[in-house]
All heavy atoms as atom14 arrays in JSON, in Angstrom:
{
  "sequence": "HRIFREIGDYFRKGDLLVVNQTRVIPARLNAVKVPTGGKIEIL",
  "atom14_mask": [
    [1, 1, 1, 1, 1, 1, 1, 1, 1, 1, 0, 0, 0, 0],
    [1, 1, 1, 1, 1, 1, 1, 1, 1, 1, 1, 0, 0, 0],
    [1, 1, 1, 1, 1, 1, 1, 1, 0, 0, 0, 0, 0, 0],
    [1, 1, 1, 1, 1, 1, 1, 1, 1, 1, 1, 0, 0, 0],
    [1, 1, 1, 1, 1, 1, 1, 1, 1, 1, 1, 0, 0, 0],
    [1, 1, 1, 1, 1, 1, 1, 1, 1, 0, 0, 0, 0, 0],
    [1, 1, 1, 1, 1, 1, 1, 1, 0, 0, 0, 0, 0, 0],
    [1, 1, 1, 1, 0, 0, 0, 0, 0, 0, 0, 0, 0, 0],
    [1, 1, 1, 1, 1, 1, 1, 1, 0, 0, 0, 0, 0, 0],
    [1, 1, 1, 1, 1, 1, 1, 1, 1, 1, 1, 1, 0, 0],
    [1, 1, 1, 1, 1, 1, 1, 1, 1, 1, 1, 0, 0, 0],
    [1, 1, 1, 1, 1, 1, 1, 1, 1, 1, 1, 0, 0, 0],
    [1, 1, 1, 1, 1, 1, 1, 1, 1, 0, 0, 0, 0, 0],
    [1, 1, 1, 1, 0, 0, 0, 0, 0, 0, 0, 0, 0, 0],
    [1, 1, 1, 1, 1, 1, 1, 1, 0, 0, 0, 0, 0, 0],
    [1, 1, 1, 1, 1, 1, 1, 1, 0, 0, 0, 0, 0, 0],
    [1, 1, 1, 1, 1, 1, 1, 1, 0, 0, 0, 0, 0, 0],
    [1, 1, 1, 1, 1, 1, 1, 0, 0, 0, 0, 0, 0, 0],
    [1, 1, 1, 1, 1, 1, 1, 0, 0, 0, 0, 0, 0, 0],
    [1, 1, 1, 1, 1, 1, 1, 1, 0, 0, 0, 0, 0, 0],
    [1, 1, 1, 1, 1, 1, 1, 1, 1, 0, 0, 0, 0, 0],
    [1, 1, 1, 1, 1, 1, 1, 0, 0, 0, 0, 0, 0, 0],
    [1, 1, 1, 1, 1, 1, 1, 1, 1, 1, 1, 0, 0, 0],
    [1, 1, 1, 1, 1, 1, 1, 0, 0, 0, 0, 0, 0, 0],
    [1, 1, 1, 1, 1, 1, 1, 1, 0, 0, 0, 0, 0, 0],
    [1, 1, 1, 1, 1, 1, 1, 0, 0, 0, 0, 0, 0, 0],
    [1, 1, 1, 1, 1, 0, 0, 0, 0, 0, 0, 0, 0, 0],
    [1, 1, 1, 1, 1, 1, 1, 1, 1, 1, 1, 0, 0, 0],
    [1, 1, 1, 1, 1, 1, 1, 1, 0, 0, 0, 0, 0, 0],
    [1, 1, 1, 1, 1, 1, 1, 1, 0, 0, 0, 0, 0, 0],
    [1, 1, 1, 1, 1, 0, 0, 0, 0, 0, 0, 0, 0, 0],
    [1, 1, 1, 1, 1, 1, 1, 0, 0, 0, 0, 0, 0, 0],
    [1, 1, 1, 1, 1, 1, 1, 1, 1, 0, 0, 0, 0, 0],
    [1, 1, 1, 1, 1, 1, 1, 0, 0, 0, 0, 0, 0, 0],
    [1, 1, 1, 1, 1, 1, 1, 0, 0, 0, 0, 0, 0, 0],
    [1, 1, 1, 1, 1, 1, 1, 0, 0, 0, 0, 0, 0, 0],
    [1, 1, 1, 1, 0, 0, 0, 0, 0, 0, 0, 0, 0, 0],
    [1, 1, 1, 1, 0, 0, 0, 0, 0, 0, 0, 0, 0, 0],
    [1, 1, 1, 1, 1, 1, 1, 1, 1, 0, 0, 0, 0, 0],
    [1, 1, 1, 1, 1, 1, 1, 1, 0, 0, 0, 0, 0, 0],
    [1, 1, 1, 1, 1, 1, 1, 1, 1, 0, 0, 0, 0, 0],
    [1, 1, 1, 1, 1, 1, 1, 1, 0, 0, 0, 0, 0, 0],
    [1, 1, 1, 1, 1, 1, 1, 1, 0, 0, 0, 0, 0, 0]
  ],
  "atom14_positions": [
    [[84.26, 132.22, -200.87], [85.3, 131.72, -200.0], [84.75, 131.87, -198.57], [84.55, 133.01, -198.13], [86.56, 132.4, -200.14], [87.14, 132.32, -201.57], [87.68, 131.21, -202.1], [87.17, 133.29, -202.56], [88.04, 131.42, -203.34], [87.77, 132.66, -203.68], [0.0, 0.0, 0.0], [0.0, 0.0, 0.0], [0.0, 0.0, 0.0], [0.0, 0.0, 0.0]],
    [[84.59, 130.79, -197.9], [83.97, 130.82, -196.54], [84.73, 129.91, -195.58], [85.78, 129.31, -195.98], [82.48, 130.3, -196.66], [81.63, 131.16, -197.6], [81.31, 132.45, -197.03], [80.49, 132.55, -195.95], [79.16, 132.56, -195.87], [78.52, 132.56, -197.03], [78.49, 132.59, -194.72], [0.0, 0.0, 0.0], [0.0, 0.0, 0.0], [0.0, 0.0, 0.0]],
    [[84.29, 129.81, -194.29], [84.81, 128.91, -193.33], [83.86, 127.72, -193.24], [82.58, 128.0, -193.33], [84.98, 129.56, -192.0], [85.91, 130.77, -192.16], [85.51, 128.64, -190.95], [87.33, 130.41, -192.61], [0.0, 0.0, 0.0], [0.0, 0.0, 0.0], [0.0, 0.0, 0.0], [0.0, 0.0, 0.0], [0.0, 0.0, 0.0], [0.0, 0.0, 0.0]],
    [[84.3, 126.52, -193.03], [83.42, 125.36, -193.11], [82.26, 125.42, -192.16], [81.16, 125.02, -192.53], [84.3, 124.1, -192.87], [83.51, 122.85, -193.25], [83.6, 122.39, -194.57], [82.72, 122.21, -192.37], [82.79, 121.27, -194.99], [81.93, 121.02, -192.75], [82.08, 120.59, -194.11], [0.0, 0.0, 0.0], [0.0, 0.0, 0.0], [0.0, 0.0, 0.0]],
    [[82.43, 126.02, -190.99], [81.29, 126.02, -190.02], [80.15, 126.89, -190.54], [79.0, 126.84, -190.01], [81.81, 126.61, -188.68], [82.2, 128.03, -188.69], [82.52, 128.55, -187.24], [83.62, 127.79, -186.69], [84.87, 128.2, -186.71], [85.15, 129.41, -187.24], [85.83, 127.49, -186.16], [0.0, 0.0, 0.0], [0.0, 0.0, 0.0], [0.0, 0.0, 0.0]],
    [[80.35, 127.6, -191.65], [79.29, 128.41, -192.28], [78.56, 127.64, -193.35], [77.7, 128.26, -194.01], [79.88, 129.73, -192.82], [80.64, 130.55, -191.79], [81.43, 131.66, -192.33], [81.78, 131.56, -193.56], [81.83, 132.63, -191.65], [0.0, 0.0, 0.0], [0.0, 0.0, 0.0], [0.0, 0.0, 0.0], [0.0, 0.0, 0.0], [0.0, 0.0, 0.0]],
    [[78.83, 126.38, -193.52], [78.23, 125.61, -194.63], [76.7, 125.62, -194.56], [76.04, 125.53, -195.62], [78.82, 124.23, -194.69], [78.58, 123.56, -196.0], [78.35, 123.34, -193.51], [79.3, 122.25, -196.21], [0.0, 0.0, 0.0], [0.0, 0.0, 0.0], [0.0, 0.0, 0.0], [0.0, 0.0, 0.0], [0.0, 0.0, 0.0], [0.0, 0.0, 0.0]],
    [[76.19, 125.69, -193.37], [74.7, 125.68, -193.24], [74.02, 126.75, -193.91], [72.79, 126.73, -194.22], [0.0, 0.0, 0.0], [0.0, 0.0, 0.0], [0.0, 0.0, 0.0], [0.0, 0.0, 0.0], [0.0, 0.0, 0.0], [0.0, 0.0, 0.0], [0.0, 0.0, 0.0], [0.0, 0.0, 0.0], [0.0, 0.0, 0.0], [0.0, 0.0, 0.0]],
    [[74.78, 127.9, -194.24], [74.14, 129.01, -194.92], [73.67, 128.63, -196.36], [72.86, 129.32, -196.95], [75.17, 130.17, -195.03], [75.5, 130.83, -193.68], [74.8, 130.52, -192.73], [76.47, 131.58, -193.67], [0.0, 0.0, 0.0], [0.0, 0.0, 0.0], [0.0, 0.0, 0.0], [0.0, 0.0, 0.0], [0.0, 0.0, 0.0], [0.0, 0.0, 0.0]],
    [[74.18, 127.54, -196.77], [73.85, 127.12, -198.23], [72.88, 125.92, -198.23], [72.54, 125.46, -199.3], [75.13, 126.76, -198.94], [76.09, 127.9, -199.05], [77.08, 128.1, -198.14], [76.01, 128.84, -200.06], [77.93, 129.17, -198.16], [76.87, 129.89, -200.15], [77.8, 130.07, -199.17], [78.66, 131.2, -199.28], [0.0, 0.0, 0.0], [0.0, 0.0, 0.0]],
    [[72.5, 125.49, -197.03], [71.5, 124.39, -197.02], [70.11, 125.0, -196.68], [70.03, 126.03, -196.06], [71.89, 123.4, -195.88], [73.18, 122.72, -196.13], [73.77, 122.0, -195.07], [73.79, 122.71, -197.35], [74.97, 121.38, -195.26], [74.98, 122.01, -197.57], [75.6, 121.42, -196.51], [0.0, 0.0, 0.0], [0.0, 0.0, 0.0], [0.0, 0.0, 0.0]],
    [[69.07, 124.32, -197.13], [67.72, 124.66, -196.92], [66.99, 123.67, -196.1], [67.25, 122.5, -196.08], [66.97, 124.88, -198.25], [67.62, 125.92, -199.2], [66.7, 126.18, -200.39], [66.56, 125.09, -201.24], [67.16, 124.88, -202.44], [68.02, 125.84, -202.88], [66.88, 123.85, -203.19], [0.0, 0.0, 0.0], [0.0, 0.0, 0.0], [0.0, 0.0, 0.0]],
    [[65.92, 124.11, -195.45], [65.08, 123.18, -194.68], [64.49, 122.19, -195.7], [63.97, 122.6, -196.78], [63.89, 123.93, -194.03], [62.97, 123.03, -193.18], [61.97, 123.9, -192.48], [61.03, 123.0, -191.62], [60.04, 123.83, -190.93], [0.0, 0.0, 0.0], [0.0, 0.0, 0.0], [0.0, 0.0, 0.0], [0.0, 0.0, 0.0], [0.0, 0.0, 0.0]],
    [[64.56, 120.9, -195.39], [64.13, 119.8, -196.3], [65.17, 119.26, -197.11], [64.93, 118.21, -197.73], [0.0, 0.0, 0.0], [0.0, 0.0, 0.0], [0.0, 0.0, 0.0], [0.0, 0.0, 0.0], [0.0, 0.0, 0.0], [0.0, 0.0, 0.0], [0.0, 0.0, 0.0], [0.0, 0.0, 0.0], [0.0, 0.0, 0.0], [0.0, 0.0, 0.0]],
    [[66.43, 119.77, -197.05], [67.54, 119.13, -197.69], [67.97, 117.93, -196.87], [67.65, 117.76, -195.68], [68.8, 120.13, -197.83], [68.62, 121.12, -198.88], [67.68, 120.96, -199.77], [69.35, 122.16, -198.88], [0.0, 0.0, 0.0], [0.0, 0.0, 0.0], [0.0, 0.0, 0.0], [0.0, 0.0, 0.0], [0.0, 0.0, 0.0], [0.0, 0.0, 0.0]],
    [[68.75, 116.99, -197.5], [69.21, 115.84, -196.82], [70.69, 115.68, -197.0], [71.15, 115.67, -198.13], [68.47, 114.53, -197.37], [68.91, 113.19, -196.77], [68.34, 113.11, -195.35], [68.42, 112.02, -197.62], [0.0, 0.0, 0.0], [0.0, 0.0, 0.0], [0.0, 0.0, 0.0], [0.0, 0.0, 0.0], [0.0, 0.0, 0.0], [0.0, 0.0, 0.0]],
    [[71.41, 115.58, -195.9], [72.81, 115.35, -195.91], [73.15, 113.91, -195.75], [72.63, 113.19, -194.78], [73.47, 116.15, -194.73], [74.98, 116.4, -194.75], [75.29, 117.36, -195.93], [75.41, 117.03, -193.48], [0.0, 0.0, 0.0], [0.0, 0.0, 0.0], [0.0, 0.0, 0.0], [0.0, 0.0, 0.0], [0.0, 0.0, 0.0], [0.0, 0.0, 0.0]],
    [[73.84, 113.33, -196.67], [74.14, 111.87, -196.64], [75.66, 111.69, -196.26], [76.52, 112.19, -197.02], [73.82, 111.16, -197.97], [74.2, 109.69, -197.89], [72.39, 111.37, -198.36], [0.0, 0.0, 0.0], [0.0, 0.0, 0.0], [0.0, 0.0, 0.0], [0.0, 0.0, 0.0], [0.0, 0.0, 0.0], [0.0, 0.0, 0.0], [0.0, 0.0, 0.0]],
    [[75.95, 110.98, -195.18], [77.29, 110.8, -194.71], [77.66, 109.37, -194.64], [76.81, 108.44, -194.45], [77.5, 111.47, -193.31], [77.13, 112.94, -193.29], [76.62, 110.72, -192.22], [0.0, 0.0, 0.0], [0.0, 0.0, 0.0], [0.0, 0.0, 0.0], [0.0, 0.0, 0.0], [0.0, 0.0, 0.0], [0.0, 0.0, 0.0], [0.0, 0.0, 0.0]],
    [[78.96, 109.11, -194.79], [79.47, 107.72, -194.81], [80.04, 107.47, -193.37], [81.04, 108.1, -192.93], [80.6, 107.6, -195.8], [81.23, 106.22, -195.82], [80.74, 105.32, -195.19], [82.32, 106.07, -196.59], [0.0, 0.0, 0.0], [0.0, 0.0, 0.0], [0.0, 0.0, 0.0], [0.0, 0.0, 0.0], [0.0, 0.0, 0.0], [0.0, 0.0, 0.0]],
    [[79.4, 106.56, -192.68], [79.71, 106.33, -191.29], [80.78, 105.26, -191.05], [80.99, 104.76, -189.95], [78.45, 105.96, -190.5], [77.86, 104.55, -190.97], [76.63, 104.21, -190.16], [76.16, 104.99, -189.32], [76.08, 103.07, -190.49], [0.0, 0.0, 0.0], [0.0, 0.0, 0.0], [0.0, 0.0, 0.0], [0.0, 0.0, 0.0], [0.0, 0.0, 0.0]],
    [[81.55, 104.89, -192.1], [82.63, 103.93, -192.0], [83.64, 104.43, -191.0], [83.86, 105.64, -190.81], [83.25, 103.65, -193.33], [84.17, 102.52, -193.19], [84.02, 104.84, -193.86], [0.0, 0.0, 0.0], [0.0, 0.0, 0.0], [0.0, 0.0, 0.0], [0.0, 0.0, 0.0], [0.0, 0.0, 0.0], [0.0, 0.0, 0.0], [0.0, 0.0, 0.0]],
    [[84.3, 103.42, -190.33], [85.4, 103.79, -189.4], [86.65, 103.09, -189.86], [86.66, 101.94, -190.29], [85.01, 103.33, -188.01], [86.01, 103.63, -186.91], [85.54, 103.37, -185.51], [86.56, 103.65, -184.53], [86.77, 104.88, -184.07], [85.98, 105.88, -184.42], [87.73, 105.12, -183.17], [0.0, 0.0, 0.0], [0.0, 0.0, 0.0], [0.0, 0.0, 0.0]],
    [[87.77, 103.87, -189.79], [89.08, 103.34, -190.29], [89.6, 102.38, -189.26], [89.6, 102.57, -188.05], [90.08, 104.5, -190.46], [91.38, 103.96, -191.1], [89.47, 105.6, -191.37], [0.0, 0.0, 0.0], [0.0, 0.0, 0.0], [0.0, 0.0, 0.0], [0.0, 0.0, 0.0], [0.0, 0.0, 0.0], [0.0, 0.0, 0.0], [0.0, 0.0, 0.0]],
    [[90.12, 101.25, -189.73], [90.82, 100.25, -188.86], [92.29, 100.55, -188.83], [92.84, 101.13, -189.73], [90.56, 98.85, -189.4], [91.14, 98.63, -190.81], [89.1, 98.45, -189.41], [91.06, 97.24, -191.3], [0.0, 0.0, 0.0], [0.0, 0.0, 0.0], [0.0, 0.0, 0.0], [0.0, 0.0, 0.0], [0.0, 0.0, 0.0], [0.0, 0.0, 0.0]],
    [[92.93, 100.18, -187.7], [94.45, 100.34, -187.68], [95.02, 99.25, -188.52], [95.49, 98.19, -188.09], [94.7, 100.12, -186.17], [93.6, 99.32, -185.64], [92.38, 99.7, -186.43], [0.0, 0.0, 0.0], [0.0, 0.0, 0.0], [0.0, 0.0, 0.0], [0.0, 0.0, 0.0], [0.0, 0.0, 0.0], [0.0, 0.0, 0.0], [0.0, 0.0, 0.0]],
    [[95.08, 99.5, -189.83], [95.29, 98.4, -190.83], [96.78, 98.09, -191.16], [97.05, 97.18, -191.84], [94.58, 98.79, -192.14], [0.0, 0.0, 0.0], [0.0, 0.0, 0.0], [0.0, 0.0, 0.0], [0.0, 0.0, 0.0], [0.0, 0.0, 0.0], [0.0, 0.0, 0.0], [0.0, 0.0, 0.0], [0.0, 0.0, 0.0], [0.0, 0.0, 0.0]],
    [[97.68, 98.97, -190.69], [99.09, 98.77, -190.98], [99.66, 97.89, -189.87], [99.76, 98.25, -188.71], [99.8, 100.12, -191.05], [101.22, 99.99, -191.69], [101.85, 101.39, -191.77], [101.07, 102.35, -192.48], [101.06, 102.44, -193.8], [101.77, 101.61, -194.53], [100.28, 103.29, -194.4], [0.0, 0.0, 0.0], [0.0, 0.0, 0.0], [0.0, 0.0, 0.0]],
    [[100.25, 96.68, -190.29], [100.76, 95.72, -189.39], [102.17, 95.43, -189.61], [102.64, 95.24, -190.79], [99.99, 94.39, -189.53], [98.46, 94.41, -189.28], [97.85, 93.08, -189.68], [98.17, 94.68, -187.78], [0.0, 0.0, 0.0], [0.0, 0.0, 0.0], [0.0, 0.0, 0.0], [0.0, 0.0, 0.0], [0.0, 0.0, 0.0], [0.0, 0.0, 0.0]],
    [[103.06, 95.53, -188.59], [104.42, 95.18, -188.62], [104.47, 93.63, -188.5], [103.98, 93.11, -187.47], [105.22, 95.87, -187.58], [105.32, 97.36, -187.84], [105.6, 97.79, -188.97], [105.07, 98.17, -186.85], [0.0, 0.0, 0.0], [0.0, 0.0, 0.0], [0.0, 0.0, 0.0], [0.0, 0.0, 0.0], [0.0, 0.0, 0.0], [0.0, 0.0, 0.0]],
    [[105.05, 92.93, -189.43], [105.06, 91.49, -189.38], [106.43, 90.89, -189.77], [107.35, 91.7, -190.0], [104.01, 90.98, -190.44], [0.0, 0.0, 0.0], [0.0, 0.0, 0.0], [0.0, 0.0, 0.0], [0.0, 0.0, 0.0], [0.0, 0.0, 0.0], [0.0, 0.0, 0.0], [0.0, 0.0, 0.0], [0.0, 0.0, 0.0], [0.0, 0.0, 0.0]],
    [[106.53, 89.59, -189.64], [107.81, 88.93, -189.95], [107.5, 87.69, -190.78], [106.38, 87.13, -190.79], [108.57, 88.49, -188.65], [108.96, 89.74, -187.87], [107.68, 87.53, -187.83], [0.0, 0.0, 0.0], [0.0, 0.0, 0.0], [0.0, 0.0, 0.0], [0.0, 0.0, 0.0], [0.0, 0.0, 0.0], [0.0, 0.0, 0.0], [0.0, 0.0, 0.0]],
    [[108.53, 87.32, -191.61], [108.43, 86.07, -192.26], [108.71, 84.9, -191.32], [109.51, 85.05, -190.33], [109.48, 85.98, -193.42], [109.33, 87.07, -194.46], [110.41, 86.94, -195.46], [110.39, 88.13, -196.48], [111.55, 88.07, -197.47], [0.0, 0.0, 0.0], [0.0, 0.0, 0.0], [0.0, 0.0, 0.0], [0.0, 0.0, 0.0], [0.0, 0.0, 0.0]],
    [[108.0, 83.82, -191.47], [108.18, 82.62, -190.61], [108.77, 81.56, -191.49], [108.26, 81.21, -192.59], [106.85, 82.19, -190.03], [107.05, 80.88, -189.19], [106.27, 83.3, -189.15], [0.0, 0.0, 0.0], [0.0, 0.0, 0.0], [0.0, 0.0, 0.0], [0.0, 0.0, 0.0], [0.0, 0.0, 0.0], [0.0, 0.0, 0.0], [0.0, 0.0, 0.0]],
    [[109.92, 80.9, -191.09], [110.63, 80.97, -189.81], [111.79, 82.04, -189.73], [112.45, 82.09, -188.77], [111.04, 79.59, -189.55], [111.42, 79.11, -190.94], [110.48, 79.77, -191.88], [0.0, 0.0, 0.0], [0.0, 0.0, 0.0], [0.0, 0.0, 0.0], [0.0, 0.0, 0.0], [0.0, 0.0, 0.0], [0.0, 0.0, 0.0], [0.0, 0.0, 0.0]],
    [[112.06, 82.7, -190.85], [113.33, 83.42, -190.91], [113.4, 84.66, -190.0], [114.42, 85.16, -189.62], [113.66, 83.82, -192.37], [112.6, 84.77, -192.79], [113.67, 82.64, -193.27], [0.0, 0.0, 0.0], [0.0, 0.0, 0.0], [0.0, 0.0, 0.0], [0.0, 0.0, 0.0], [0.0, 0.0, 0.0], [0.0, 0.0, 0.0], [0.0, 0.0, 0.0]],
    [[112.19, 85.25, -189.79], [112.16, 86.43, -188.93], [112.37, 87.73, -189.72], [112.4, 88.83, -189.13], [0.0, 0.0, 0.0], [0.0, 0.0, 0.0], [0.0, 0.0, 0.0], [0.0, 0.0, 0.0], [0.0, 0.0, 0.0], [0.0, 0.0, 0.0], [0.0, 0.0, 0.0], [0.0, 0.0, 0.0], [0.0, 0.0, 0.0], [0.0, 0.0, 0.0]],
    [[112.47, 87.69, -191.06], [112.71, 88.93, -191.9], [111.44, 89.84, -191.73], [110.31, 89.41, -191.72], [0.0, 0.0, 0.0], [0.0, 0.0, 0.0], [0.0, 0.0, 0.0], [0.0, 0.0, 0.0], [0.0, 0.0, 0.0], [0.0, 0.0, 0.0], [0.0, 0.0, 0.0], [0.0, 0.0, 0.0], [0.0, 0.0, 0.0], [0.0, 0.0, 0.0]],
    [[111.7, 91.09, -191.53], [110.63, 92.08, -191.32], [109.91, 92.39, -192.61], [110.5, 92.65, -193.67], [111.21, 93.34, -190.7], [111.78, 93.13, -189.31], [112.28, 94.46, -188.68], [112.78, 94.26, -187.26], [113.2, 95.49, -186.66], [0.0, 0.0, 0.0], [0.0, 0.0, 0.0], [0.0, 0.0, 0.0], [0.0, 0.0, 0.0], [0.0, 0.0, 0.0]],
    [[108.56, 92.51, -192.51], [107.74, 92.85, -193.61], [106.59, 93.72, -193.09], [106.5, 93.91, -191.86], [107.08, 91.63, -194.35], [106.26, 90.79, -193.38], [108.17, 90.73, -194.94], [105.41, 89.71, -194.04], [0.0, 0.0, 0.0], [0.0, 0.0, 0.0], [0.0, 0.0, 0.0], [0.0, 0.0, 0.0], [0.0, 0.0, 0.0], [0.0, 0.0, 0.0]],
    [[105.8, 94.29, -194.01], [104.67, 95.1, -193.62], [103.41, 94.54, -194.33], [103.43, 94.2, -195.5], [104.91, 96.52, -193.96], [103.75, 97.47, -193.51], [104.03, 98.9, -193.83], [104.7, 99.59, -192.94], [103.59, 99.41, -194.84], [0.0, 0.0, 0.0], [0.0, 0.0, 0.0], [0.0, 0.0, 0.0], [0.0, 0.0, 0.0], [0.0, 0.0, 0.0]],
    [[102.39, 94.5, -193.58], [101.07, 94.14, -194.17], [100.09, 95.22, -194.01], [99.91, 95.74, -192.86], [100.5, 92.79, -193.5], [101.49, 91.63, -193.76], [99.14, 92.48, -193.93], [101.11, 90.36, -193.0], [0.0, 0.0, 0.0], [0.0, 0.0, 0.0], [0.0, 0.0, 0.0], [0.0, 0.0, 0.0], [0.0, 0.0, 0.0], [0.0, 0.0, 0.0]],
    [[99.42, 95.64, -195.05], [98.42, 96.7, -195.0], [97.09, 96.07, -195.39], [96.83, 95.71, -196.49], [98.74, 97.81, -195.94], [97.81, 98.99, -195.92], [97.76, 99.63, -194.52], [98.2, 100.06, -196.95], [0.0, 0.0, 0.0], [0.0, 0.0, 0.0], [0.0, 0.0, 0.0], [0.0, 0.0, 0.0], [0.0, 0.0, 0.0], [0.0, 0.0, 0.0]]
  ]
}
């Protein structure tokens, strides 16, 4: 049981860390039906 900042204690020189560089979009949209104006949500 450790703290995350200590994770390097378990890595060795020559290891490779692979990270996912995707970025989250503000994907939740408040919308309306046309032409009635009824509220809906689009994700």
